[in-house]
């Protein structure tokens, strides 16, 4: 990773103590570079227009405009990690393709976990230049192939926990590793057995037999809570037989 450029960051929060925590955490991670910080969306817009911002740490509840609404106004927004004191905003954050959302008060451990998602995506984006090759199919379709880090990886379908969309890329979370590859989640969905995998959100496909618990709004896999969107709720209810 030494040849990968630093990720430039902008921190936005109208609460000075919360903003100071984000700035402190950014300074503790060598791969991140704080370009600026501010306490409102108007100032943030000027900074984004004037400087190259890779990653935005954005508070959702701000006086002039919600952070989620602010992101919708940007034609080409940077990658974003939302910060919020309210869990209810999580699903909306996922629907805006946020890399993650952090629930206040934010621990450094949770902050680092969110940043690692961005770092994984950035490293893959730097090195993964070749288009995805046509995948080979095993006789019983028990394996699937992905290109990652200039290798073809053969992954057992039984090992896959869930798949997350990262815009033009996908992140495949398995029992033992995480793979990031350039492919749309919809094209992958077409090659997965429908009896074993279910789309619960435009950003998530999950392995049915890996679901540990669920409600009408989310499923839990490997201690991760993944949202069920309205678009896919009926199919999820049918397969999981939700009341």
C-alpha atoms as a PDB file:
ATOM      1  CA  UNK A   1       0.000   0.000   0.000  1.00  0.00           C
ATOM      2  CA  UNK A   2       3.021   2.279   0.168  1.00  0.00           C
ATOM      3  CA  UNK A   3       2.525   3.323  -3.455  1.00  0.00           C
ATOM      4  CA  UNK A   4      -1.121   4.235  -2.945  1.00  0.00           C
ATOM      5  CA  UNK A   5      -1.783   7.930  -2.519  1.00  0.00           C
ATOM      6  CA  UNK A   6      -3.319   9.151   0.697  1.00  0.00           C
ATOM      7  CA  UNK A   7      -7.086   9.471   0.900  1.00  0.00           C
ATOM      8  CA  UNK A   8      -8.001  13.133   1.229  1.00  0.00           C
ATOM      9  CA  UNK A   9     -10.769  13.809   3.742  1.00  0.00           C
ATOM     10  CA  UNK A  10     -13.280  16.496   4.639  1.00  0.00           C
ATOM     11  CA  UNK A  11     -14.991  16.399   8.045  1.00  0.00           C
ATOM     12  CA  UNK A  12     -18.381  18.124   8.432  1.00  0.00           C
ATOM     13  CA  UNK A  13     -20.268  18.376  11.737  1.00  0.00           C
ATOM     14  CA  UNK A  14     -22.115  21.245  13.377  1.00  0.00           C
ATOM     15  CA  UNK A  15     -21.149  20.010  16.868  1.00  0.00           C
ATOM     16  CA  UNK A  16     -17.567  21.133  17.701  1.00  0.00           C
ATOM     17  CA  UNK A  17     -16.804  18.212  20.096  1.00  0.00           C
ATOM     18  CA  UNK A  18     -17.939  15.639  17.521  1.00  0.00           C
ATOM     19  CA  UNK A  19     -15.923  17.385  14.795  1.00  0.00           C
ATOM     20  CA  UNK A  20     -12.811  17.362  16.967  1.00  0.00           C
ATOM     21  CA  UNK A  21     -13.152  13.611  17.528  1.00  0.00           C
ATOM     22  CA  UNK A  22     -13.341  12.935  13.785  1.00  0.00           C
ATOM     23  CA  UNK A  23     -10.320  15.171  13.156  1.00  0.00           C
ATOM     24  CA  UNK A  24      -8.367  13.402  15.903  1.00  0.00           C
ATOM     25  CA  UNK A  25      -9.203   9.959  14.516  1.00  0.00           C
ATOM     26  CA  UNK A  26      -8.217  11.003  10.984  1.00  0.00           C
ATOM     27  CA  UNK A  27      -4.844  12.214  12.279  1.00  0.00           C
ATOM     28  CA  UNK A  28      -4.227   8.772  13.828  1.00  0.00           C
ATOM     29  CA  UNK A  29      -4.458   6.937  10.482  1.00  0.00           C
ATOM     30  CA  UNK A  30      -1.451   7.459   8.166  1.00  0.00           C
ATOM     31  CA  UNK A  31      -3.456   6.613   5.025  1.00  0.00           C
ATOM     32  CA  UNK A  32      -5.807   9.555   5.597  1.00  0.00           C
ATOM     33  CA  UNK A  33      -5.104  13.247   5.031  1.00  0.00           C
ATOM     34  CA  UNK A  34      -7.460  15.879   6.441  1.00  0.00           C
ATOM     35  CA  UNK A  35      -7.891  18.577   3.793  1.00  0.00           C
ATOM     36  CA  UNK A  36     -10.362  20.676   5.771  1.00  0.00           C
ATOM     37  CA  UNK A  37     -13.152  20.648   8.324  1.00  0.00           C
ATOM     38  CA  UNK A  38     -16.294  22.729   8.651  1.00  0.00           C
ATOM     39  CA  UNK A  39     -19.625  22.856  10.463  1.00  0.00           C
ATOM     40  CA  UNK A  40     -22.169  23.308   7.679  1.00  0.00           C
ATOM     41  CA  UNK A  41     -23.069  22.029   4.212  1.00  0.00           C
ATOM     42  CA  UNK A  42     -22.642  25.390   2.448  1.00  0.00           C
ATOM     43  CA  UNK A  43     -18.990  25.627   3.441  1.00  0.00           C
ATOM     44  CA  UNK A  44     -18.529  21.937   2.644  1.00  0.00           C
ATOM     45  CA  UNK A  45     -19.819  22.540  -0.891  1.00  0.00           C
ATOM     46  CA  UNK A  46     -17.232  25.262  -1.518  1.00  0.00           C
ATOM     47  CA  UNK A  47     -14.430  23.015  -0.255  1.00  0.00           C
ATOM     48  CA  UNK A  48     -15.540  20.091  -2.447  1.00  0.00           C
ATOM     49  CA  UNK A  49     -15.670  22.383  -5.474  1.00  0.00           C
ATOM     50  CA  UNK A  50     -12.213  23.853  -4.797  1.00  0.00           C
ATOM     51  CA  UNK A  51     -10.296  20.825  -3.571  1.00  0.00           C
ATOM     52  CA  UNK A  52      -9.912  17.159  -4.393  1.00  0.00           C
ATOM     53  CA  UNK A  53     -11.842  15.381  -1.638  1.00  0.00           C
ATOM     54  CA  UNK A  54     -11.835  11.565  -1.737  1.00  0.00           C
ATOM     55  CA  UNK A  55     -13.750  10.880   1.462  1.00  0.00           C
ATOM     56  CA  UNK A  56     -16.398  12.870   3.290  1.00  0.00           C
ATOM     57  CA  UNK A  57     -17.181  12.333   6.970  1.00  0.00           C
ATOM     58  CA  UNK A  58     -20.623  13.883   7.080  1.00  0.00           C
ATOM     59  CA  UNK A  59     -22.982  14.481   9.979  1.00  0.00           C
ATOM     60  CA  UNK A  60     -26.593  13.791   9.025  1.00  0.00           C
ATOM     61  CA  UNK A  61     -28.442  16.157  11.356  1.00  0.00           C
ATOM     62  CA  UNK A  62     -27.317  19.701  10.584  1.00  0.00           C
ATOM     63  CA  UNK A  63     -29.378  22.896  10.898  1.00  0.00           C
ATOM     64  CA  UNK A  64     -29.402  24.091   7.280  1.00  0.00           C
ATOM     65  CA  UNK A  65     -29.824  20.778   5.444  1.00  0.00           C
ATOM     66  CA  UNK A  66     -29.642  17.112   6.349  1.00  0.00           C
ATOM     67  CA  UNK A  67     -26.393  15.442   5.331  1.00  0.00           C
ATOM     68  CA  UNK A  68     -28.340  12.855   3.327  1.00  0.00           C
ATOM     69  CA  UNK A  69     -30.134  15.616   1.403  1.00  0.00           C
ATOM     70  CA  UNK A  70     -26.825  17.420   0.849  1.00  0.00           C
ATOM     71  CA  UNK A  71     -25.316  14.303  -0.793  1.00  0.00           C
ATOM     72  CA  UNK A  72     -28.306  14.153  -3.151  1.00  0.00           C
ATOM     73  CA  UNK A  73     -27.466  17.653  -4.404  1.00  0.00           C
ATOM     74  CA  UNK A  74     -23.966  16.624  -5.530  1.00  0.00           C
ATOM     75  CA  UNK A  75     -23.568  15.396  -9.093  1.00  0.00           C
ATOM     76  CA  UNK A  76     -20.378  13.430  -8.376  1.00  0.00           C
ATOM     77  CA  UNK A  77     -20.111  13.126  -4.610  1.00  0.00           C
ATOM     78  CA  UNK A  78     -16.969  11.767  -2.960  1.00  0.00           C
ATOM     79  CA  UNK A  79     -17.138   8.540  -0.997  1.00  0.00           C
ATOM     80  CA  UNK A  80     -19.041   9.261   2.197  1.00  0.00           C
ATOM     81  CA  UNK A  81     -19.164   7.922   5.736  1.00  0.00           C
ATOM     82  CA  UNK A  82     -22.177   9.308   7.567  1.00  0.00           C
ATOM     83  CA  UNK A  83     -22.066  10.142  11.264  1.00  0.00           C
ATOM     84  CA  UNK A  84     -25.257  10.338  13.287  1.00  0.00           C
ATOM     85  CA  UNK A  85     -26.687  10.053  16.773  1.00  0.00           C
ATOM     86  CA  UNK A  86     -29.759   8.221  15.453  1.00  0.00           C
ATOM     87  CA  UNK A  87     -29.839   4.656  14.113  1.00  0.00           C
ATOM     88  CA  UNK A  88     -33.003   5.431  12.110  1.00  0.00           C
ATOM     89  CA  UNK A  89     -30.896   7.152   9.426  1.00  0.00           C
ATOM     90  CA  UNK A  90     -28.852   4.008   8.692  1.00  0.00           C
ATOM     91  CA  UNK A  91     -31.056   2.568   5.944  1.00  0.00           C
ATOM     92  CA  UNK A  92     -31.234   5.902   4.123  1.00  0.00           C
ATOM     93  CA  UNK A  93     -27.451   6.127   4.302  1.00  0.00           C
ATOM     94  CA  UNK A  94     -27.071   2.696   2.687  1.00  0.00           C
ATOM     95  CA  UNK A  95     -29.515   3.661  -0.061  1.00  0.00           C
ATOM     96  CA  UNK A  96     -27.207   6.578  -0.928  1.00  0.00           C
ATOM     97  CA  UNK A  97     -24.302   4.131  -1.434  1.00  0.00           C
ATOM     98  CA  UNK A  98     -22.506   5.346   1.680  1.00  0.00           C
ATOM     99  CA  UNK A  99     -19.379   3.390   2.528  1.00  0.00           C
ATOM    100  CA  UNK A 100     -20.586   3.164   6.134  1.00  0.00           C
ATOM    101  CA  UNK A 101     -22.380   5.062   8.876  1.00  0.00           C
ATOM    102  CA  UNK A 102     -21.057   5.709  12.375  1.00  0.00           C
ATOM    103  CA  UNK A 103     -23.348   5.945  15.359  1.00  0.00           C
ATOM    104  CA  UNK A 104     -22.334   8.563  17.934  1.00  0.00           C
ATOM    105  CA  UNK A 105     -20.526   8.414  20.287  1.00  0.00           C
ATOM    106  CA  UNK A 106     -17.964   7.015  17.857  1.00  0.00           C
ATOM    107  CA  UNK A 107     -15.222   4.728  19.141  1.00  0.00           C
ATOM    108  CA  UNK A 108     -11.885   4.626  17.355  1.00  0.00           C
ATOM    109  CA  UNK A 109     -12.320   0.891  16.760  1.00  0.00           C
ATOM    110  CA  UNK A 110     -15.589   1.469  14.894  1.00  0.00           C
ATOM    111  CA  UNK A 111     -14.089   4.446  13.020  1.00  0.00           C
ATOM    112  CA  UNK A 112     -11.145   2.302  11.896  1.00  0.00           C
ATOM    113  CA  UNK A 113     -13.483  -0.442  10.691  1.00  0.00           C
ATOM    114  CA  UNK A 114     -15.323   2.068   8.486  1.00  0.00           C
ATOM    115  CA  UNK A 115     -12.061   3.489   7.127  1.00  0.00           C
ATOM    116  CA  UNK A 116     -10.815  -0.009   6.307  1.00  0.00           C
ATOM    117  CA  UNK A 117     -13.800  -0.429   3.977  1.00  0.00           C
ATOM    118  CA  UNK A 118     -12.684   2.683   2.107  1.00  0.00           C
ATOM    119  CA  UNK A 119      -9.055   1.534   2.026  1.00  0.00           C
ATOM    120  CA  UNK A 120     -10.018  -1.866   0.624  1.00  0.00           C
ATOM    121  CA  UNK A 121     -12.063  -0.181  -2.087  1.00  0.00           C
ATOM    122  CA  UNK A 122      -9.291   2.305  -2.913  1.00  0.00           C
ATOM    123  CA  UNK A 123      -6.574  -0.342  -3.187  1.00  0.00           C
ATOM    124  CA  UNK A 124      -8.743  -2.442  -5.473  1.00  0.00           C
ATOM    125  CA  UNK A 125      -9.617   0.597  -7.583  1.00  0.00           C
ATOM    126  CA  UNK A 126      -5.906   1.364  -7.978  1.00  0.00           C
ATOM    127  CA  UNK A 127      -4.813  -2.088  -9.108  1.00  0.00           C
ATOM    128  CA  UNK A 128      -7.907  -3.612 -10.708  1.00  0.00           C
ATOM    129  CA  UNK A 129      -7.781  -2.153 -14.217  1.00  0.00           C
ATOM    130  CA  UNK A 130      -8.653  -5.168 -16.364  1.00  0.00           C
ATOM    131  CA  UNK A 131     -12.277  -6.007 -17.169  1.00  0.00           C
ATOM    132  CA  UNK A 132     -13.793  -9.022 -15.473  1.00  0.00           C
ATOM    133  CA  UNK A 133     -13.154 -12.158 -17.535  1.00  0.00           C
ATOM    134  CA  UNK A 134     -15.904 -14.522 -18.469  1.00  0.00           C
ATOM    135  CA  UNK A 135     -16.399 -16.807 -15.497  1.00  0.00           C
ATOM    136  CA  UNK A 136     -15.974 -20.551 -15.814  1.00  0.00           C
ATOM    137  CA  UNK A 137     -18.780 -22.662 -14.413  1.00  0.00           C
ATOM    138  CA  UNK A 138     -18.266 -25.785 -12.364  1.00  0.00           C
ATOM    139  CA  UNK A 139     -20.494 -28.766 -13.208  1.00  0.00           C
ATOM    140  CA  UNK A 140     -22.660 -28.431 -10.109  1.00  0.00           C
ATOM    141  CA  UNK A 141     -22.311 -24.623  -9.966  1.00  0.00           C
ATOM    142  CA  UNK A 142     -20.870 -24.997  -6.491  1.00  0.00           C
ATOM    143  CA  UNK A 143     -18.087 -22.490  -7.192  1.00  0.00           C
ATOM    144  CA  UNK A 144     -17.850 -19.032  -8.689  1.00  0.00           C
ATOM    145  CA  UNK A 145     -14.795 -17.201 -10.021  1.00  0.00           C
ATOM    146  CA  UNK A 146     -13.708 -13.617  -9.345  1.00  0.00           C
ATOM    147  CA  UNK A 147     -10.785 -11.533 -10.567  1.00  0.00           C
ATOM    148  CA  UNK A 148      -9.023  -9.805  -7.689  1.00  0.00           C
ATOM    149  CA  UNK A 149      -5.494  -8.420  -7.356  1.00  0.00           C
ATOM    150  CA  UNK A 150      -4.631  -9.779 -10.817  1.00  0.00           C
ATOM    151  CA  UNK A 151      -5.617 -13.310  -9.857  1.00  0.00           C
ATOM    152  CA  UNK A 152      -8.624 -15.490 -10.587  1.00  0.00           C
ATOM    153  CA  UNK A 153     -10.083 -16.666  -7.294  1.00  0.00           C
ATOM    154  CA  UNK A 154     -12.222 -19.796  -7.112  1.00  0.00           C
ATOM    155  CA  UNK A 155     -14.750 -19.324  -4.309  1.00  0.00           C
ATOM    156  CA  UNK A 156     -17.130 -21.933  -2.989  1.00  0.00           C
ATOM    157  CA  UNK A 157     -20.712 -20.685  -2.912  1.00  0.00           C
ATOM    158  CA  UNK A 158     -21.068 -22.330   0.489  1.00  0.00           C
ATOM    159  CA  UNK A 159     -18.374 -20.012   1.887  1.00  0.00           C
ATOM    160  CA  UNK A 160     -20.104 -16.771   0.821  1.00  0.00           C
ATOM    161  CA  UNK A 161     -21.886 -14.891   3.622  1.00  0.00           C
ATOM    162  CA  UNK A 162     -23.092 -11.848   1.710  1.00  0.00           C
ATOM    163  CA  UNK A 163     -22.234  -9.504  -1.167  1.00  0.00           C
ATOM    164  CA  UNK A 164     -22.151  -5.710  -0.919  1.00  0.00           C
ATOM    165  CA  UNK A 165     -22.287  -3.307  -3.850  1.00  0.00           C
ATOM    166  CA  UNK A 166     -19.659  -0.547  -4.019  1.00  0.00           C
ATOM    167  CA  UNK A 167     -20.972   1.282  -7.084  1.00  0.00           C
ATOM    168  CA  UNK A 168     -18.972  -0.262  -9.989  1.00  0.00           C
ATOM    169  CA  UNK A 169     -17.442  -2.862  -7.673  1.00  0.00           C
ATOM    170  CA  UNK A 170     -18.710  -5.540  -5.334  1.00  0.00           C
ATOM    171  CA  UNK A 171     -17.363  -6.771  -2.024  1.00  0.00           C
ATOM    172  CA  UNK A 172     -17.779 -10.498  -1.446  1.00  0.00           C
ATOM    173  CA  UNK A 173     -17.642 -11.416   2.241  1.00  0.00           C
ATOM    174  CA  UNK A 174     -16.830 -15.075   2.861  1.00  0.00           C
ATOM    175  CA  UNK A 175     -16.104 -17.109   5.982  1.00  0.00           C
ATOM    176  CA  UNK A 176     -12.363 -16.516   5.675  1.00  0.00           C
ATOM    177  CA  UNK A 177     -11.741 -13.494   3.462  1.00  0.00           C
ATOM    178  CA  UNK A 178     -13.147 -10.394   1.781  1.00  0.00           C
ATOM    179  CA  UNK A 179     -12.825  -9.977  -1.990  1.00  0.00           C
ATOM    180  CA  UNK A 180     -13.331  -6.768  -3.947  1.00  0.00           C
ATOM    181  CA  UNK A 181     -13.777  -7.022  -7.693  1.00  0.00           C
ATOM    182  CA  UNK A 182     -15.058  -4.887 -10.544  1.00  0.00           C
ATOM    183  CA  UNK A 183     -18.532  -6.168 -11.335  1.00  0.00           C
ATOM    184  CA  UNK A 184     -22.105  -5.036 -10.830  1.00  0.00           C
ATOM    185  CA  UNK A 185     -24.133  -6.700  -8.131  1.00  0.00           C
ATOM    186  CA  UNK A 186     -26.980  -7.285 -10.615  1.00  0.00           C
ATOM    187  CA  UNK A 187     -24.778  -9.273 -13.007  1.00  0.00           C
ATOM    188  CA  UNK A 188     -23.549 -11.404 -10.131  1.00  0.00           C
ATOM    189  CA  UNK A 189     -27.109 -11.988  -8.946  1.00  0.00           C
ATOM    190  CA  UNK A 190     -27.924 -13.598 -12.298  1.00  0.00           C
ATOM    191  CA  UNK A 191     -25.226 -16.220 -11.711  1.00  0.00           C
ATOM    192  CA  UNK A 192     -26.166 -17.137  -8.155  1.00  0.00           C
ATOM    193  CA  UNK A 193     -28.651 -19.928  -7.366  1.00  0.00           C
ATOM    194  CA  UNK A 194     -31.916 -18.261  -6.356  1.00  0.00           C
ATOM    195  CA  UNK A 195     -32.676 -20.964  -3.799  1.00  0.00           C
ATOM    196  CA  UNK A 196     -29.470 -20.135  -1.903  1.00  0.00           C
ATOM    197  CA  UNK A 197     -29.105 -16.371  -2.280  1.00  0.00           C
ATOM    198  CA  UNK A 198     -31.580 -13.522  -1.966  1.00  0.00           C
ATOM    199  CA  UNK A 199     -31.383  -9.833  -2.853  1.00  0.00           C
ATOM    200  CA  UNK A 200     -32.520  -7.815   0.161  1.00  0.00           C
ATOM    201  CA  UNK A 201     -31.433  -4.362  -0.987  1.00  0.00           C
ATOM    202  CA  UNK A 202     -29.984  -2.831  -4.115  1.00  0.00           C
ATOM    203  CA  UNK A 203     -26.640  -2.928  -2.286  1.00  0.00           C
ATOM    204  CA  UNK A 204     -26.886  -6.376  -0.693  1.00  0.00           C
ATOM    205  CA  UNK A 205     -27.291 -10.046  -1.585  1.00  0.00           C
ATOM    206  CA  UNK A 206     -27.202 -12.538   1.289  1.00  0.00           C
ATOM    207  CA  UNK A 207     -26.810 -16.291   1.632  1.00  0.00           C
ATOM    208  CA  UNK A 208     -30.114 -17.536   2.995  1.00  0.00           C
ATOM    209  CA  UNK A 209     -28.583 -20.250   5.158  1.00  0.00           C
ATOM    210  CA  UNK A 210     -26.130 -17.785   6.746  1.00  0.00           C
ATOM    211  CA  UNK A 211     -28.864 -15.520   8.177  1.00  0.00           C
ATOM    212  CA  UNK A 212     -28.611 -15.638  11.975  1.00  0.00           C
ATOM    213  CA  UNK A 213     -31.633 -13.482  12.782  1.00  0.00           C
ATOM    214  CA  UNK A 214     -34.007 -11.120  11.006  1.00  0.00           C
ATOM    215  CA  UNK A 215     -36.844  -8.637  11.296  1.00  0.00           C
ATOM    216  CA  UNK A 216     -39.003  -6.967   8.667  1.00  0.00           C
ATOM    217  CA  UNK A 217     -36.315  -4.281   8.278  1.00  0.00           C
ATOM    218  CA  UNK A 218     -32.965  -6.070   8.534  1.00  0.00           C
ATOM    219  CA  UNK A 219     -31.111  -9.373   8.581  1.00  0.00           C
ATOM    220  CA  UNK A 220     -28.081 -10.233  10.702  1.00  0.00           C
ATOM    221  CA  UNK A 221     -25.162 -12.214   9.306  1.00  0.00           C
ATOM    222  CA  UNK A 222     -21.812 -12.638  11.049  1.00  0.00           C
ATOM    223  CA  UNK A 223     -22.772  -9.902  13.527  1.00  0.00           C
ATOM    224  CA  UNK A 224     -23.483  -7.471  10.689  1.00  0.00           C
ATOM    225  CA  UNK A 225     -26.940  -5.883  10.418  1.00  0.00           C
ATOM    226  CA  UNK A 226     -27.928  -5.441   6.756  1.00  0.00           C
ATOM    227  CA  UNK A 227     -31.016  -3.442   5.729  1.00  0.00           C
ATOM    228  CA  UNK A 228     -34.009  -4.827   3.837  1.00  0.00           C
ATOM    229  CA  UNK A 229     -35.302  -2.198   1.421  1.00  0.00           C
ATOM    230  CA  UNK A 230     -38.946  -1.732   0.474  1.00  0.00           C
ATOM    231  CA  UNK A 231     -38.257  -2.812  -3.104  1.00  0.00           C
ATOM    232  CA  UNK A 232     -37.185  -6.311  -2.033  1.00  0.00           C
ATOM    233  CA  UNK A 233     -39.211  -6.706   1.161  1.00  0.00           C
ATOM    234  CA  UNK A 234     -41.984  -8.796  -0.380  1.00  0.00           C
ATOM    235  CA  UNK A 235     -39.538 -11.344  -1.820  1.00  0.00           C
ATOM    236  CA  UNK A 236     -37.678 -11.491   1.485  1.00  0.00           C
ATOM    237  CA  UNK A 237     -40.923 -11.989   3.400  1.00  0.00           C
ATOM    238  CA  UNK A 238     -41.909 -14.818   1.057  1.00  0.00           C
ATOM    239  CA  UNK A 239     -38.609 -16.664   1.425  1.00  0.00           C
ATOM    240  CA  UNK A 240     -38.072 -16.020   5.146  1.00  0.00           C
ATOM    241  CA  UNK A 241     -41.805 -16.253   5.885  1.00  0.00           C
ATOM    242  CA  UNK A 242     -41.873 -13.041   7.903  1.00  0.00           C
ATOM    243  CA  UNK A 243     -45.112 -12.221   9.674  1.00  0.00           C
END
